[in-house]
């Protein structure tokens, strides 16, 4: 039997891992943008999001949708590997669990989009 304290601890651990993933992803996007010699305004215009949203994504304060992330990746000539090749096993495991949760919660139409993005 799982106690409330154990569930709370697991939830806190998952939340911290999610936060570290968001920060790491934001830092990687920022690095790709700077390596490309682009400003936030230029990238935001290419991806059709507002500059404030891009700033929040790069700071790890906002999680982009899969579609936005794909448009950012393409605008920055990045690869999925550059964005998600984590060396920290805990971060990688947390990311895998988060992706599984998102897939399990996805609507049927979203599943088709996810499958296409993973090809």
PDB file of N, CA and C in Angstrom:
ATOM      1  N   UNK A   1       0.832  -1.180   0.000  1.00  0.00           N
ATOM      2  CA  UNK A   1       0.000   0.000   0.000  1.00  0.00           C
ATOM      3  C   UNK A   1       0.878   1.245   0.000  1.00  0.00           C
ATOM      4  N   UNK A   2       0.576   2.165  -0.899  1.00  0.00           N
ATOM      5  CA  UNK A   2       1.347   3.398  -1.016  1.00  0.00           C
ATOM      6  C   UNK A   2       0.748   4.444  -0.083  1.00  0.00           C
ATOM      7  N   UNK A   3       1.600   5.008   0.732  1.00  0.00           N
ATOM      8  CA  UNK A   3       1.116   6.014   1.681  1.00  0.00           C
ATOM      9  C   UNK A   3       1.001   7.373   1.014  1.00  0.00           C
ATOM     10  N   UNK A   4       0.260   8.264   1.653  1.00  0.00           N
ATOM     11  CA  UNK A   4       0.112   9.627   1.151  1.00  0.00           C
ATOM     12  C   UNK A   4       1.468  10.323   1.114  1.00  0.00           C
ATOM     13  N   UNK A   5       2.278  10.111   2.125  1.00  0.00           N
ATOM     14  CA  UNK A   5       3.607  10.724   2.176  1.00  0.00           C
ATOM     15  C   UNK A   5       4.454  10.274   0.987  1.00  0.00           C
ATOM     16  N   UNK A   6       4.369   8.978   0.635  1.00  0.00           N
ATOM     17  CA  UNK A   6       5.123   8.444  -0.503  1.00  0.00           C
ATOM     18  C   UNK A   6       4.635   9.064  -1.808  1.00  0.00           C
ATOM     19  N   UNK A   7       3.299   9.173  -1.962  1.00  0.00           N
ATOM     20  CA  UNK A   7       2.738   9.799  -3.168  1.00  0.00           C
ATOM     21  C   UNK A   7       3.169  11.255  -3.265  1.00  0.00           C
ATOM     22  N   UNK A   8       3.151  11.963  -2.131  1.00  0.00           N
ATOM     23  CA  UNK A   8       3.572  13.370  -2.121  1.00  0.00           C
ATOM     24  C   UNK A   8       5.039  13.508  -2.488  1.00  0.00           C
ATOM     25  N   UNK A   9       5.869  12.612  -1.963  1.00  0.00           N
ATOM     26  CA  UNK A   9       7.298  12.633  -2.277  1.00  0.00           C
ATOM     27  C   UNK A   9       7.525  12.347  -3.756  1.00  0.00           C
ATOM     28  N   UNK A  10       6.831  11.326  -4.281  1.00  0.00           N
ATOM     29  CA  UNK A  10       6.952  10.997  -5.703  1.00  0.00           C
ATOM     30  C   UNK A  10       6.501  12.158  -6.578  1.00  0.00           C
ATOM     31  N   UNK A  11       5.419  12.804  -6.195  1.00  0.00           N
ATOM     32  CA  UNK A  11       4.907  13.948  -6.965  1.00  0.00           C
ATOM     33  C   UNK A  11       5.906  15.099  -6.933  1.00  0.00           C
ATOM     34  N   UNK A  12       6.498  15.356  -5.780  1.00  0.00           N
ATOM     35  CA  UNK A  12       7.485  16.437  -5.661  1.00  0.00           C
ATOM     36  C   UNK A  12       8.726  16.127  -6.488  1.00  0.00           C
ATOM     37  N   UNK A  13       9.148  14.874  -6.475  1.00  0.00           N
ATOM     38  CA  UNK A  13      10.312  14.465  -7.269  1.00  0.00           C
ATOM     39  C   UNK A  13      10.029  14.620  -8.755  1.00  0.00           C
ATOM     40  N   UNK A  14       8.841  14.187  -9.190  1.00  0.00           N
ATOM     41  CA  UNK A  14       8.466  14.310 -10.600  1.00  0.00           C
ATOM     42  C   UNK A  14       8.393  15.782 -11.013  1.00  0.00           C
ATOM     43  N   UNK A  15       7.848  16.624 -10.142  1.00  0.00           N
ATOM     44  CA  UNK A  15       7.744  18.054 -10.451  1.00  0.00           C
ATOM     45  C   UNK A  15       9.136  18.675 -10.591  1.00  0.00           C
ATOM     46  N   UNK A  16      10.051  18.323  -9.690  1.00  0.00           N
ATOM     47  CA  UNK A  16      11.424  18.845  -9.761  1.00  0.00           C
ATOM     48  C   UNK A  16      12.122  18.365 -11.033  1.00  0.00           C
ATOM     49  N   UNK A  17      11.907  17.107 -11.379  1.00  0.00           N
ATOM     50  CA  UNK A  17      12.515  16.567 -12.606  1.00  0.00           C
ATOM     51  C   UNK A  17      11.944  17.263 -13.828  1.00  0.00           C
ATOM     52  N   UNK A  18      10.618  17.483 -13.859  1.00  0.00           N
ATOM     53  CA  UNK A  18       9.991  18.201 -14.972  1.00  0.00           C
ATOM     54  C   UNK A  18      10.592  19.588 -15.102  1.00  0.00           C
ATOM     55  N   UNK A  19      10.781  20.261 -13.975  1.00  0.00           N
ATOM     56  CA  UNK A  19      11.348  21.619 -13.985  1.00  0.00           C
ATOM     57  C   UNK A  19      12.767  21.596 -14.547  1.00  0.00           C
ATOM     58  N   UNK A  20      13.567  20.595 -14.130  1.00  0.00           N
ATOM     59  CA  UNK A  20      14.944  20.545 -14.627  1.00  0.00           C
ATOM     60  C   UNK A  20      14.971  20.244 -16.122  1.00  0.00           C
ATOM     61  N   UNK A  21      14.007  19.465 -16.599  1.00  0.00           N
ATOM     62  CA  UNK A  21      13.910  19.190 -18.036  1.00  0.00           C
ATOM     63  C   UNK A  21      13.575  20.471 -18.783  1.00  0.00           C
ATOM     64  N   UNK A  22      12.620  21.234 -18.272  1.00  0.00           N
ATOM     65  CA  UNK A  22      12.227  22.484 -18.922  1.00  0.00           C
ATOM     66  C   UNK A  22      13.400  23.456 -18.991  1.00  0.00           C
ATOM     67  N   UNK A  23      14.155  23.551 -17.902  1.00  0.00           N
ATOM     68  CA  UNK A  23      15.317  24.452 -17.865  1.00  0.00           C
ATOM     69  C   UNK A  23      16.378  23.977 -18.849  1.00  0.00           C
ATOM     70  N   UNK A  24      16.665  22.687 -18.836  1.00  0.00           N
ATOM     71  CA  UNK A  24      17.680  22.131 -19.748  1.00  0.00           C
ATOM     72  C   UNK A  24      17.270  22.327 -21.205  1.00  0.00           C
ATOM     73  N   UNK A  25      16.016  22.059 -21.515  1.00  0.00           N
ATOM     74  CA  UNK A  25      15.526  22.239 -22.878  1.00  0.00           C
ATOM     75  C   UNK A  25      15.637  23.707 -23.292  1.00  0.00           C
ATOM     76  N   UNK A  26      15.245  24.609 -22.403  1.00  0.00           N
ATOM     77  CA  UNK A  26      15.343  26.039 -22.690  1.00  0.00           C
ATOM     78  C   UNK A  26      16.770  26.476 -22.958  1.00  0.00           C
ATOM     79  N   UNK A  27      17.697  25.957 -22.156  1.00  0.00           N
ATOM     80  CA  UNK A  27      19.116  26.297 -22.350  1.00  0.00           C
ATOM     81  C   UNK A  27      19.623  25.775 -23.687  1.00  0.00           C
ATOM     82  N   UNK A  28      19.171  24.604 -24.079  1.00  0.00           N
ATOM     83  CA  UNK A  28      19.599  24.046 -25.365  1.00  0.00           C
ATOM     84  C   UNK A  28      19.040  24.855 -26.533  1.00  0.00           C
ATOM     85  N   UNK A  29      17.782  25.258 -26.418  1.00  0.00           N
ATOM     86  CA  UNK A  29      17.198  26.102 -27.466  1.00  0.00           C
ATOM     87  C   UNK A  29      17.935  27.436 -27.560  1.00  0.00           C
ATOM     88  N   UNK A  30      18.236  28.015 -26.428  1.00  0.00           N
ATOM     89  CA  UNK A  30      18.958  29.299 -26.405  1.00  0.00           C
ATOM     90  C   UNK A  30      20.345  29.149 -27.039  1.00  0.00           C
ATOM     91  N   UNK A  31      21.031  28.047 -26.705  1.00  0.00           N
ATOM     92  CA  UNK A  31      22.356  27.801 -27.283  1.00  0.00           C
ATOM     93  C   UNK A  31      22.276  27.655 -28.804  1.00  0.00           C
ATOM     94  N   UNK A  32      21.282  26.911 -29.287  1.00  0.00           N
ATOM     95  CA  UNK A  32      21.100  26.761 -30.735  1.00  0.00           C
ATOM     96  C   UNK A  32      20.827  28.111 -31.389  1.00  0.00           C
ATOM     97  N   UNK A  33      19.988  28.925 -30.731  1.00  0.00           N
ATOM     98  CA  UNK A  33      19.652  30.243 -31.280  1.00  0.00           C
ATOM     99  C   UNK A  33      20.889  31.128 -31.357  1.00  0.00           C
ATOM    100  N   UNK A  34      21.666  31.150 -30.289  1.00  0.00           N
ATOM    101  CA  UNK A  34      22.871  31.992 -30.273  1.00  0.00           C
ATOM    102  C   UNK A  34      23.906  31.490 -31.277  1.00  0.00           C
ATOM    103  N   UNK A  35      24.043  30.165 -31.386  1.00  0.00           N
ATOM    104  CA  UNK A  35      24.981  29.603 -32.370  1.00  0.00           C
ATOM    105  C   UNK A  35      24.576  29.955 -33.795  1.00  0.00           C
ATOM    106  N   UNK A  36      23.276  30.109 -34.007  1.00  0.00           N
ATOM    107  CA  UNK A  36      22.775  30.494 -35.333  1.00  0.00           C
ATOM    108  C   UNK A  36      22.880  31.999 -35.549  1.00  0.00           C
ATOM    109  N   UNK A  37      23.271  32.749 -34.509  1.00  0.00           N
ATOM    110  CA  UNK A  37      23.407  34.196 -34.626  1.00  0.00           C
ATOM    111  C   UNK A  37      22.069  34.915 -34.736  1.00  0.00           C
ATOM    112  N   UNK A  38      21.041  34.344 -34.133  1.00  0.00           N
ATOM    113  CA  UNK A  38      19.697  34.924 -34.221  1.00  0.00           C
ATOM    114  C   UNK A  38      19.265  35.532 -32.893  1.00  0.00           C
ATOM    115  N   UNK A  39      18.437  36.549 -32.984  1.00  0.00           N
ATOM    116  CA  UNK A  39      17.855  37.149 -31.787  1.00  0.00           C
ATOM    117  C   UNK A  39      16.557  36.426 -31.447  1.00  0.00           C
ATOM    118  N   UNK A  40      16.071  36.657 -30.240  1.00  0.00           N
ATOM    119  CA  UNK A  40      14.776  36.080 -29.869  1.00  0.00           C
ATOM    120  C   UNK A  40      13.678  36.607 -30.790  1.00  0.00           C
ATOM    121  N   UNK A  41      13.758  37.862 -31.139  1.00  0.00           N
ATOM    122  CA  UNK A  41      12.739  38.456 -32.019  1.00  0.00           C
ATOM    123  C   UNK A  41      12.723  37.766 -33.383  1.00  0.00           C
ATOM    124  N   UNK A  42      13.909  37.489 -33.921  1.00  0.00           N
ATOM    125  CA  UNK A  42      13.983  36.829 -35.229  1.00  0.00           C
ATOM    126  C   UNK A  42      13.408  35.411 -35.178  1.00  0.00           C
ATOM    127  N   UNK A  43      13.769  34.673 -34.147  1.00  0.00           N
ATOM    128  CA  UNK A  43      13.278  33.299 -34.025  1.00  0.00           C
ATOM    129  C   UNK A  43      11.776  33.294 -33.771  1.00  0.00           C
ATOM    130  N   UNK A  44      11.319  34.165 -32.883  1.00  0.00           N
ATOM    131  CA  UNK A  44       9.886  34.242 -32.579  1.00  0.00           C
ATOM    132  C   UNK A  44       9.083  34.532 -33.846  1.00  0.00           C
ATOM    133  N   UNK A  45       9.582  35.422 -34.681  1.00  0.00           N
ATOM    134  CA  UNK A  45       8.885  35.752 -35.931  1.00  0.00           C
ATOM    135  C   UNK A  45       8.845  34.537 -36.871  1.00  0.00           C
ATOM    136  N   UNK A  46       9.957  33.820 -36.961  1.00  0.00           N
ATOM    137  CA  UNK A  46      10.015  32.634 -37.831  1.00  0.00           C
ATOM    138  C   UNK A  46       9.054  31.541 -37.364  1.00  0.00           C
ATOM    139  N   UNK A  47       8.913  31.424 -36.054  1.00  0.00           N
ATOM    140  CA  UNK A  47       8.120  30.335 -35.468  1.00  0.00           C
ATOM    141  C   UNK A  47       6.669  30.773 -35.235  1.00  0.00           C
ATOM    142  N   UNK A  48       6.430  32.056 -35.402  1.00  0.00           N
ATOM    143  CA  UNK A  48       5.093  32.633 -35.223  1.00  0.00           C
ATOM    144  C   UNK A  48       4.581  32.500 -33.791  1.00  0.00           C
ATOM    145  N   UNK A  49       5.473  32.846 -32.839  1.00  0.00           N
ATOM    146  CA  UNK A  49       5.079  32.981 -31.442  1.00  0.00           C
ATOM    147  C   UNK A  49       5.568  34.345 -30.983  1.00  0.00           C
ATOM    148  N   UNK A  50       5.049  34.818 -29.863  1.00  0.00           N
ATOM    149  CA  UNK A  50       5.520  36.136 -29.411  1.00  0.00           C
ATOM    150  C   UNK A  50       6.860  35.987 -28.700  1.00  0.00           C
ATOM    151  N   UNK A  51       7.608  37.069 -28.737  1.00  0.00           N
ATOM    152  CA  UNK A  51       8.961  37.074 -28.182  1.00  0.00           C
ATOM    153  C   UNK A  51       8.967  36.736 -26.693  1.00  0.00           C
ATOM    154  N   UNK A  52       7.957  37.190 -25.968  1.00  0.00           N
ATOM    155  CA  UNK A  52       7.874  36.911 -24.528  1.00  0.00           C
ATOM    156  C   UNK A  52       7.743  35.400 -24.286  1.00  0.00           C
ATOM    157  N   UNK A  53       6.966  34.728 -25.111  1.00  0.00           N
ATOM    158  CA  UNK A  53       6.827  33.272 -24.963  1.00  0.00           C
ATOM    159  C   UNK A  53       8.163  32.578 -25.205  1.00  0.00           C
ATOM    160  N   UNK A  54       8.891  33.001 -26.220  1.00  0.00           N
ATOM    161  CA  UNK A  54      10.197  32.408 -26.489  1.00  0.00           C
ATOM    162  C   UNK A  54      11.142  32.644 -25.318  1.00  0.00           C
ATOM    163  N   UNK A  55      11.114  33.833 -24.767  1.00  0.00           N
ATOM    164  CA  UNK A  55      11.946  34.145 -23.612  1.00  0.00           C
ATOM    165  C   UNK A  55      11.623  33.219 -22.441  1.00  0.00           C
ATOM    166  N   UNK A  56      10.342  33.001 -22.198  1.00  0.00           N
ATOM    167  CA  UNK A  56       9.916  32.117 -21.104  1.00  0.00           C
ATOM    168  C   UNK A  56      10.308  30.659 -21.377  1.00  0.00           C
ATOM    169  N   UNK A  57      10.227  30.232 -22.622  1.00  0.00           N
ATOM    170  CA  UNK A  57      10.647  28.874 -22.980  1.00  0.00           C
ATOM    171  C   UNK A  57      12.143  28.717 -22.731  1.00  0.00           C
ATOM    172  N   UNK A  58      12.931  29.674 -23.191  1.00  0.00           N
ATOM    173  CA  UNK A  58      14.386  29.607 -23.011  1.00  0.00           C
ATOM    174  C   UNK A  58      14.779  29.649 -21.536  1.00  0.00           C
ATOM    175  N   UNK A  59      13.973  30.293 -20.710  1.00  0.00           N
ATOM    176  CA  UNK A  59      14.255  30.379 -19.274  1.00  0.00           C
ATOM    177  C   UNK A  59      13.739  29.149 -18.519  1.00  0.00           C
ATOM    178  N   UNK A  60      13.052  28.258 -19.207  1.00  0.00           N
ATOM    179  CA  UNK A  60      12.511  27.075 -18.558  1.00  0.00           C
ATOM    180  C   UNK A  60      11.254  27.349 -17.758  1.00  0.00           C
ATOM    181  N   UNK A  61      10.621  28.490 -18.023  1.00  0.00           N
ATOM    182  CA  UNK A  61       9.417  28.879 -17.277  1.00  0.00           C
ATOM    183  C   UNK A  61       8.132  28.536 -18.016  1.00  0.00           C
ATOM    184  N   UNK A  62       8.273  28.099 -19.270  1.00  0.00           N
ATOM    185  CA  UNK A  62       7.111  27.749 -20.067  1.00  0.00           C
ATOM    186  C   UNK A  62       7.466  26.529 -20.911  1.00  0.00           C
ATOM    187  N   UNK A  63       6.582  25.574 -20.953  1.00  0.00           N
ATOM    188  CA  UNK A  63       6.815  24.354 -21.724  1.00  0.00           C
ATOM    189  C   UNK A  63       6.141  24.506 -23.089  1.00  0.00           C
ATOM    190  N   UNK A  64       6.919  24.416 -24.178  1.00  0.00           N
ATOM    191  CA  UNK A  64       6.304  24.551 -25.508  1.00  0.00           C
ATOM    192  C   UNK A  64       5.504  23.313 -25.876  1.00  0.00           C
ATOM    193  N   UNK A  65       4.501  23.507 -26.713  1.00  0.00           N
ATOM    194  CA  UNK A  65       3.771  22.361 -27.253  1.00  0.00           C
ATOM    195  C   UNK A  65       4.717  21.602 -28.179  1.00  0.00           C
ATOM    196  N   UNK A  66       4.360  20.389 -28.514  1.00  0.00           N
ATOM    197  CA  UNK A  66       5.179  19.597 -29.428  1.00  0.00           C
ATOM    198  C   UNK A  66       5.300  20.291 -30.777  1.00  0.00           C
ATOM    199  N   UNK A  67       4.206  20.882 -31.240  1.00  0.00           N
ATOM    200  CA  UNK A  67       4.216  21.597 -32.515  1.00  0.00           C
ATOM    201  C   UNK A  67       5.163  22.798 -32.463  1.00  0.00           C
ATOM    202  N   UNK A  68       5.083  23.583 -31.399  1.00  0.00           N
ATOM    203  CA  UNK A  68       5.973  24.750 -31.258  1.00  0.00           C
ATOM    204  C   UNK A  68       7.419  24.302 -31.161  1.00  0.00           C
ATOM    205  N   UNK A  69       7.665  23.248 -30.409  1.00  0.00           N
ATOM    206  CA  UNK A  69       9.025  22.736 -30.271  1.00  0.00           C
ATOM    207  C   UNK A  69       9.573  22.278 -31.619  1.00  0.00           C
ATOM    208  N   UNK A  70       8.744  21.639 -32.416  1.00  0.00           N
ATOM    209  CA  UNK A  70       9.179  21.201 -33.743  1.00  0.00           C
ATOM    210  C   UNK A  70       9.487  22.405 -34.626  1.00  0.00           C
ATOM    211  N   UNK A  71       8.652  23.449 -34.561  1.00  0.00           N
ATOM    212  CA  UNK A  71       8.922  24.652 -35.366  1.00  0.00           C
ATOM    213  C   UNK A  71      10.200  25.342 -34.891  1.00  0.00           C
ATOM    214  N   UNK A  72      10.440  25.371 -33.583  1.00  0.00           N
ATOM    215  CA  UNK A  72      11.681  25.956 -33.057  1.00  0.00           C
ATOM    216  C   UNK A  72      12.893  25.159 -33.539  1.00  0.00           C
ATOM    217  N   UNK A  73      12.782  23.855 -33.439  1.00  0.00           N
ATOM    218  CA  UNK A  73      13.880  22.988 -33.872  1.00  0.00           C
ATOM    219  C   UNK A  73      14.229  23.246 -35.333  1.00  0.00           C
ATOM    220  N   UNK A  74      13.207  23.315 -36.169  1.00  0.00           N
ATOM    221  CA  UNK A  74      13.439  23.551 -37.597  1.00  0.00           C
ATOM    222  C   UNK A  74      14.007  24.943 -37.851  1.00  0.00           C
ATOM    223  N   UNK A  75      13.480  25.947 -37.162  1.00  0.00           N
ATOM    224  CA  UNK A  75      13.956  27.326 -37.356  1.00  0.00           C
ATOM    225  C   UNK A  75      15.413  27.474 -36.942  1.00  0.00           C
ATOM    226  N   UNK A  76      15.855  26.643 -36.002  1.00  0.00           N
ATOM    227  CA  UNK A  76      17.226  26.721 -35.496  1.00  0.00           C
ATOM    228  C   UNK A  76      18.132  25.662 -36.119  1.00  0.00           C
ATOM    229  N   UNK A  77      17.615  24.950 -37.122  1.00  0.00           N
ATOM    230  CA  UNK A  77      18.367  23.865 -37.770  1.00  0.00           C
ATOM    231  C   UNK A  77      18.908  22.872 -36.756  1.00  0.00           C
ATOM    232  N   UNK A  78      18.100  22.585 -35.731  1.00  0.00           N
ATOM    233  CA  UNK A  78      18.508  21.639 -34.697  1.00  0.00           C
ATOM    234  C   UNK A  78      17.940  20.258 -34.964  1.00  0.00           C
ATOM    235  N   UNK A  79      18.449  19.295 -34.236  1.00  0.00           N
ATOM    236  CA  UNK A  79      17.948  17.931 -34.331  1.00  0.00           C
ATOM    237  C   UNK A  79      17.237  17.583 -33.030  1.00  0.00           C
ATOM    238  N   UNK A  80      16.393  16.555 -33.087  1.00  0.00           N
ATOM    239  CA  UNK A  80      15.747  16.095 -31.857  1.00  0.00           C
ATOM    240  C   UNK A  80      16.807  15.623 -30.871  1.00  0.00           C
ATOM    241  N   UNK A  81      17.873  15.019 -31.362  1.00  0.00           N
ATOM    242  CA  UNK A  81      18.956  14.556 -30.492  1.00  0.00           C
ATOM    243  C   UNK A  81      19.618  15.692 -29.737  1.00  0.00           C
ATOM    244  N   UNK A  82      19.819  16.817 -30.418  1.00  0.00           N
ATOM    245  CA  UNK A  82      20.417  17.970 -29.748  1.00  0.00           C
ATOM    246  C   UNK A  82      19.533  18.480 -28.616  1.00  0.00           C
ATOM    247  N   UNK A  83      18.249  18.332 -28.781  1.00  0.00           N
ATOM    248  CA  UNK A  83      17.323  18.816 -27.759  1.00  0.00           C
ATOM    249  C   UNK A  83      17.127  17.826 -26.616  1.00  0.00           C
ATOM    250  N   UNK A  84      17.189  16.530 -26.906  1.00  0.00           N
ATOM    251  CA  UNK A  84      16.788  15.554 -25.900  1.00  0.00           C
ATOM    252  C   UNK A  84      17.823  14.504 -25.526  1.00  0.00           C
ATOM    253  N   UNK A  85      19.062  14.636 -25.938  1.00  0.00           N
ATOM    254  CA  UNK A  85      20.092  13.665 -25.566  1.00  0.00           C
ATOM    255  C   UNK A  85      20.651  14.040 -24.193  1.00  0.00           C
ATOM    256  N   UNK A  86      19.975  13.591 -23.139  1.00  0.00           N
ATOM    257  CA  UNK A  86      20.374  13.927 -21.782  1.00  0.00           C
ATOM    258  C   UNK A  86      21.387  12.922 -21.255  1.00  0.00           C
ATOM    259  N   UNK A  87      22.410  13.413 -20.576  1.00  0.00           N
ATOM    260  CA  UNK A  87      23.407  12.543 -19.959  1.00  0.00           C
ATOM    261  C   UNK A  87      22.968  12.123 -18.556  1.00  0.00           C
ATOM    262  N   UNK A  88      22.168  12.942 -17.927  1.00  0.00           N
ATOM    263  CA  UNK A  88      21.679  12.674 -16.579  1.00  0.00           C
ATOM    264  C   UNK A  88      20.538  11.664 -16.665  1.00  0.00           C
ATOM    265  N   UNK A  89      20.757  10.475 -16.141  1.00  0.00           N
ATOM    266  CA  UNK A  89      19.775   9.402 -16.252  1.00  0.00           C
ATOM    267  C   UNK A  89      18.450   9.802 -15.613  1.00  0.00           C
ATOM    268  N   UNK A  90      18.480  10.496 -14.468  1.00  0.00           N
ATOM    269  CA  UNK A  90      17.238  10.894 -13.813  1.00  0.00           C
ATOM    270  C   UNK A  90      16.427  11.834 -14.694  1.00  0.00           C
ATOM    271  N   UNK A  91      17.104  12.766 -15.351  1.00  0.00           N
ATOM    272  CA  UNK A  91      16.406  13.691 -16.235  1.00  0.00           C
ATOM    273  C   UNK A  91      15.848  12.929 -17.429  1.00  0.00           C
ATOM    274  N   UNK A  92      16.638  12.029 -17.981  1.00  0.00           N
ATOM    275  CA  UNK A  92      16.176  11.251 -19.131  1.00  0.00           C
ATOM    276  C   UNK A  92      14.976  10.388 -18.748  1.00  0.00           C
ATOM    277  N   UNK A  93      15.050   9.744 -17.603  1.00  0.00           N
ATOM    278  CA  UNK A  93      13.939   8.911 -17.146  1.00  0.00           C
ATOM    279  C   UNK A  93      12.690   9.751 -16.925  1.00  0.00           C
ATOM    280  N   UNK A  94      12.851  10.915 -16.306  1.00  0.00           N
ATOM    281  CA  UNK A  94      11.712  11.798 -16.069  1.00  0.00           C
ATOM    282  C   UNK A  94      11.095  12.247 -17.386  1.00  0.00           C
ATOM    283  N   UNK A  95      11.941  12.545 -18.357  1.00  0.00           N
ATOM    284  CA  UNK A  95      11.437  12.955 -19.665  1.00  0.00           C
ATOM    285  C   UNK A  95      10.661  11.817 -20.321  1.00  0.00           C
ATOM    286  N   UNK A  96      11.202  10.617 -20.264  1.00  0.00           N
ATOM    287  CA  UNK A  96      10.504   9.471 -20.848  1.00  0.00           C
ATOM    288  C   UNK A  96       9.136   9.269 -20.190  1.00  0.00           C
ATOM    289  N   UNK A  97       9.094   9.388 -18.866  1.00  0.00           N
ATOM    290  CA  UNK A  97       7.827   9.229 -18.158  1.00  0.00           C
ATOM    291  C   UNK A  97       6.846  10.329 -18.532  1.00  0.00           C
ATOM    292  N   UNK A  98       7.342  11.552 -18.654  1.00  0.00           N
ATOM    293  CA  UNK A  98       6.468  12.666 -19.029  1.00  0.00           C
ATOM    294  C   UNK A  98       5.913  12.458 -20.435  1.00  0.00           C
ATOM    295  N   UNK A  99       6.761  12.001 -21.350  1.00  0.00           N
ATOM    296  CA  UNK A  99       6.294  11.751 -22.714  1.00  0.00           C
ATOM    297  C   UNK A  99       5.247  10.640 -22.745  1.00  0.00           C
ATOM    298  N   UNK A 100       5.476   9.595 -21.967  1.00  0.00           N
ATOM    299  CA  UNK A 100       4.493   8.509 -21.913  1.00  0.00           C
ATOM    300  C   UNK A 100       3.173   9.032 -21.373  1.00  0.00           C
ATOM    301  N   UNK A 101       3.224   9.849 -20.320  1.00  0.00           N
ATOM    302  CA  UNK A 101       1.994  10.422 -19.760  1.00  0.00           C
ATOM    303  C   UNK A 101       1.269  11.268 -20.792  1.00  0.00           C
ATOM    304  N   UNK A 102       2.026  12.085 -21.540  1.00  0.00           N
ATOM    305  CA  UNK A 102       1.398  12.938 -22.557  1.00  0.00           C
ATOM    306  C   UNK A 102       0.773  12.103 -23.667  1.00  0.00           C
ATOM    307  N   UNK A 103       1.438  11.033 -24.044  1.00  0.00           N
ATOM    308  CA  UNK A 103       0.890  10.156 -25.082  1.00  0.00           C
ATOM    309  C   UNK A 103      -0.374   9.479 -24.573  1.00  0.00           C
ATOM    310  N   UNK A 104      -0.343   9.014 -23.333  1.00  0.00           N
ATOM    311  CA  UNK A 104      -1.515   8.332 -22.771  1.00  0.00           C
ATOM    312  C   UNK A 104      -2.707   9.276 -22.644  1.00  0.00           C
ATOM    313  N   UNK A 105      -2.454  10.562 -22.424  1.00  0.00           N
ATOM    314  CA  UNK A 105      -3.528  11.547 -22.268  1.00  0.00           C
ATOM    315  C   UNK A 105      -3.955  12.185 -23.582  1.00  0.00           C
ATOM    316  N   UNK A 106      -3.239  11.883 -24.652  1.00  0.00           N
ATOM    317  CA  UNK A 106      -3.488  12.537 -25.936  1.00  0.00           C
ATOM    318  C   UNK A 106      -4.802  12.073 -26.571  1.00  0.00           C
ATOM    319  N   UNK A 107      -5.416  12.998 -27.258  1.00  0.00           N
ATOM    320  CA  UNK A 107      -6.609  12.678 -28.048  1.00  0.00           C
ATOM    321  C   UNK A 107      -6.161  11.876 -29.275  1.00  0.00           C
ATOM    322  N   UNK A 108      -7.056  11.103 -29.876  1.00  0.00           N
ATOM    323  CA  UNK A 108      -6.681  10.313 -31.060  1.00  0.00           C
ATOM    324  C   UNK A 108      -6.036  11.148 -32.166  1.00  0.00           C
ATOM    325  N   UNK A 109      -6.548  12.339 -32.410  1.00  0.00           N
ATOM    326  CA  UNK A 109      -5.958  13.174 -33.462  1.00  0.00           C
ATOM    327  C   UNK A 109      -4.537  13.611 -33.093  1.00  0.00           C
ATOM    328  N   UNK A 110      -4.275  13.804 -31.796  1.00  0.00           N
ATOM    329  CA  UNK A 110      -2.929  14.180 -31.354  1.00  0.00           C
ATOM    330  C   UNK A 110      -1.958  13.015 -31.505  1.00  0.00           C
ATOM    331  N   UNK A 111      -2.454  11.804 -31.349  1.00  0.00           N
ATOM    332  CA  UNK A 111      -1.592  10.631 -31.496  1.00  0.00           C
ATOM    333  C   UNK A 111      -1.021  10.538 -32.910  1.00  0.00           C
ATOM    334  N   UNK A 112      -1.811  10.885 -33.892  1.00  0.00           N
ATOM    335  CA  UNK A 112      -1.329  10.876 -35.276  1.00  0.00           C
ATOM    336  C   UNK A 112      -0.221  11.889 -35.476  1.00  0.00           C
ATOM    337  N   UNK A 113      -0.376  13.062 -34.885  1.00  0.00           N
ATOM    338  CA  UNK A 113       0.649  14.115 -34.979  1.00  0.00           C
ATOM    339  C   UNK A 113       1.934  13.648 -34.285  1.00  0.00           C
ATOM    340  N   UNK A 114       1.782  13.073 -33.090  1.00  0.00           N
ATOM    341  CA  UNK A 114       2.946  12.597 -32.343  1.00  0.00           C
ATOM    342  C   UNK A 114       3.689  11.517 -33.143  1.00  0.00           C
ATOM    343  N   UNK A 115       2.941  10.586 -33.708  1.00  0.00           N
ATOM    344  CA  UNK A 115       3.572   9.525 -34.492  1.00  0.00           C
ATOM    345  C   UNK A 115       4.337  10.101 -35.674  1.00  0.00           C
ATOM    346  N   UNK A 116       3.740  11.083 -36.347  1.00  0.00           N
ATOM    347  CA  UNK A 116       4.408  11.702 -37.494  1.00  0.00           C
ATOM    348  C   UNK A 116       5.676  12.423 -37.070  1.00  0.00           C
ATOM    349  N   UNK A 117       5.642  13.111 -35.927  1.00  0.00           N
ATOM    350  CA  UNK A 117       6.821  13.848 -35.454  1.00  0.00           C
ATOM    351  C   UNK A 117       7.962  12.906 -35.072  1.00  0.00           C
ATOM    352  N   UNK A 118       7.622  11.699 -34.629  1.00  0.00           N
ATOM    353  CA  UNK A 118       8.643  10.759 -34.192  1.00  0.00           C
ATOM    354  C   UNK A 118       9.304  10.005 -35.332  1.00  0.00           C
ATOM    355  N   UNK A 119       8.764  10.121 -36.534  1.00  0.00           N
ATOM    356  CA  UNK A 119       9.367   9.425 -37.687  1.00  0.00           C
ATOM    357  C   UNK A 119      10.642  10.056 -38.111  1.00  0.00           C
TER     358      UNK A 119
END
